[in-house]
Amino acid sequence: MSNIHKFTEHVKTTYGKASTDLSNETSDLITSATFVDMENYDLAVAIANVVNVASGKTITLRLWEATAAAGTGSQSLAITDTFTAEATSDTDVLVAQVRAAALTSGYQYVGFKLSTDQAGDGAEIVGGVILQLRSRYPQATLP
């Protein structure tokens, strides 16, 4: 049993952001609380849970790259996952991932934005996390 690994030994989880009413946020979107440093990781995966989306309305998860953890110089990556509700109060899980090698030169931080086309007429609840996987250097603890 000593060769069984724990999930947390191989994956670093970072809080992203949450909102209890995405359509009433500034510009109908939220940005992850921090951008994660990809220096020691090969893969970042953003996972967002969306709840209470009105029929016909859309929620989009988009990855962004930046030059610092605060989102400095951020620019959009062409990596998204989109959900369009088919029923009243619909729910879904959105997932988007990027490899560190796909980031623009000089950019090593990854974050996300969740946006909606509901513009003030919904009460959708969203929340997301960022997972970092495939550490590039074996270490005793995750950085």
Protein backbone atom coordinates (compact mmCIF):
# COMPACT_ATOMS: atom_id res chain seq x y z
CA MET A 1 0.00 0.00 0.00
CA SER A 2 2.97 2.34 0.27
CA ASN A 3 2.98 2.97 -3.49
CA ILE A 4 -0.50 4.53 -3.49
CA HIS A 5 -0.30 8.26 -4.10
CA LYS A 6 -2.62 10.95 -2.84
CA PHE A 7 -4.33 13.27 -5.30
CA THR A 8 -2.92 16.29 -3.45
CA GLU A 9 0.64 14.99 -3.89
CA HIS A 10 0.36 15.40 -7.66
CA VAL A 11 -2.14 18.19 -8.17
CA LYS A 12 -2.02 21.72 -6.78
CA THR A 13 -5.47 23.27 -6.33
CA THR A 14 -5.97 27.05 -6.25
CA TYR A 15 -9.18 28.90 -5.43
CA GLY A 16 -10.44 30.71 -8.51
CA LYS A 17 -13.52 32.84 -7.88
CA ALA A 18 -17.22 32.58 -7.09
CA SER A 19 -20.32 34.71 -7.64
CA THR A 20 -23.89 34.32 -6.49
CA ASP A 21 -25.20 36.53 -9.33
CA LEU A 22 -22.84 36.58 -12.33
CA SER A 23 -25.13 38.71 -14.52
CA ASN A 24 -24.98 41.56 -12.01
CA GLU A 25 -21.17 41.59 -11.73
CA THR A 26 -19.28 44.42 -13.44
CA SER A 27 -19.31 43.70 -17.22
CA ASP A 28 -21.21 40.46 -16.48
CA LEU A 29 -17.99 38.57 -15.67
CA ILE A 30 -15.61 37.55 -12.91
CA THR A 31 -11.85 37.01 -13.08
CA SER A 32 -9.98 34.39 -11.05
CA ALA A 33 -8.70 35.78 -7.74
CA THR A 34 -5.13 34.93 -8.72
CA PHE A 35 -3.26 33.77 -11.78
CA VAL A 36 -1.22 30.61 -11.11
CA ASP A 37 2.49 30.38 -11.86
CA MET A 38 3.23 27.69 -14.47
CA GLU A 39 7.01 27.75 -13.97
CA ASN A 40 7.04 24.28 -12.35
CA TYR A 41 3.93 22.78 -13.99
CA ASP A 42 3.09 21.49 -17.43
CA LEU A 43 -0.71 21.74 -17.33
CA ALA A 44 -3.35 24.08 -15.88
CA VAL A 45 -7.01 23.09 -15.79
CA ALA A 46 -9.80 25.50 -14.84
CA ILE A 47 -13.03 23.90 -13.66
CA ALA A 48 -16.20 25.94 -13.12
CA ASN A 49 -19.55 24.89 -11.75
CA VAL A 50 -22.57 26.87 -13.02
CA VAL A 51 -26.01 26.71 -11.42
CA ASN A 52 -29.38 28.38 -12.03
CA VAL A 53 -28.72 29.47 -15.64
CA ALA A 54 -31.87 30.67 -17.40
CA SER A 55 -33.02 28.80 -20.51
CA GLY A 56 -31.26 30.01 -23.67
CA LYS A 57 -28.58 31.94 -21.74
CA THR A 58 -24.86 31.22 -22.08
CA ILE A 59 -21.96 31.00 -19.62
CA THR A 60 -18.40 31.00 -20.98
CA LEU A 61 -15.19 29.92 -19.24
CA ARG A 62 -12.13 31.46 -20.93
CA LEU A 63 -8.46 31.02 -20.01
CA TRP A 64 -6.15 34.04 -19.82
CA GLU A 65 -2.38 34.34 -19.60
CA ALA A 66 -0.47 37.02 -17.67
CA THR A 67 3.01 38.13 -16.69
CA ALA A 68 2.28 38.16 -12.92
CA ALA A 69 -0.02 36.53 -10.35
CA ALA A 70 -2.11 39.70 -10.10
CA GLY A 71 -3.04 39.34 -13.79
CA THR A 72 -0.61 42.01 -15.00
CA GLY A 73 -0.61 42.34 -18.79
CA SER A 74 -3.26 39.64 -19.12
CA GLN A 75 -4.46 38.58 -22.53
CA SER A 76 -7.04 36.06 -23.64
CA LEU A 77 -6.07 32.61 -24.80
CA ALA A 78 -8.22 31.01 -27.51
CA ILE A 79 -9.28 28.32 -25.04
CA THR A 80 -12.89 28.28 -23.87
CA ASP A 81 -15.73 26.06 -22.78
CA THR A 82 -19.29 27.31 -23.22
CA PHE A 83 -22.62 26.19 -21.82
CA THR A 84 -26.03 27.25 -23.13
CA ALA A 85 -28.91 26.38 -20.83
CA GLU A 86 -31.68 24.28 -22.34
CA ALA A 87 -34.06 24.43 -19.40
CA THR A 88 -34.97 26.84 -16.63
CA SER A 89 -32.40 26.82 -13.80
CA ASP A 90 -30.01 24.59 -15.77
CA THR A 91 -26.60 23.50 -14.43
CA ASP A 92 -23.28 22.34 -15.87
CA VAL A 93 -19.55 21.97 -15.28
CA LEU A 94 -17.16 23.79 -17.62
CA VAL A 95 -13.54 22.70 -18.14
CA ALA A 96 -10.69 24.39 -20.02
CA GLN A 97 -7.02 23.46 -20.00
CA VAL A 98 -3.72 24.78 -21.31
CA ARG A 99 -0.17 23.46 -21.38
CA ALA A 100 2.60 25.76 -20.19
CA ALA A 101 4.36 25.35 -23.56
CA ALA A 102 1.34 26.95 -25.27
CA LEU A 103 1.74 30.25 -23.39
CA THR A 104 3.15 33.28 -25.20
CA SER A 105 6.83 34.02 -24.54
CA GLY A 106 7.15 36.12 -21.37
CA TYR A 107 3.83 34.88 -19.98
CA GLN A 108 3.91 32.18 -17.31
CA TYR A 109 0.72 32.79 -15.31
CA VAL A 110 -2.72 31.38 -16.07
CA GLY A 111 -6.13 32.50 -14.83
CA PHE A 112 -9.73 32.42 -16.03
CA LYS A 113 -12.77 34.58 -16.61
CA LEU A 114 -16.37 33.44 -16.37
CA SER A 115 -18.86 35.53 -18.33
CA THR A 116 -22.53 35.47 -19.20
CA ASP A 117 -24.85 36.96 -21.81
CA GLN A 118 -27.65 37.37 -19.22
CA ALA A 119 -26.81 41.04 -18.48
CA GLY A 120 -28.64 41.58 -15.22
CA ASP A 121 -31.62 39.32 -15.82
CA GLY A 122 -30.41 36.13 -14.13
CA ALA A 123 -29.36 34.89 -10.73
CA GLU A 124 -26.80 32.33 -11.85
CA ILE A 125 -24.35 30.99 -9.30
CA VAL A 126 -20.83 30.18 -10.49
CA GLY A 127 -17.55 29.13 -8.94
CA GLY A 128 -14.24 27.88 -10.22
CA VAL A 129 -10.86 26.46 -9.26
CA ILE A 130 -7.57 26.03 -11.08
CA LEU A 131 -5.67 22.76 -10.94
CA GLN A 132 -1.97 22.53 -11.79
CA LEU A 133 -0.67 19.14 -12.88
CA ARG A 134 2.48 17.40 -14.08
CA SER A 135 5.05 19.17 -11.95
CA ARG A 136 8.23 19.58 -13.96
CA TYR A 137 10.62 18.91 -11.10
CA PRO A 138 10.12 16.32 -8.37
CA GLN A 139 9.89 18.11 -5.02
CA ALA A 140 9.08 17.17 -1.49
CA THR A 141 6.20 19.67 -1.38
CA LEU A 142 4.26 21.57 -4.01
CA PRO A 143 5.51 25.15 -4.51
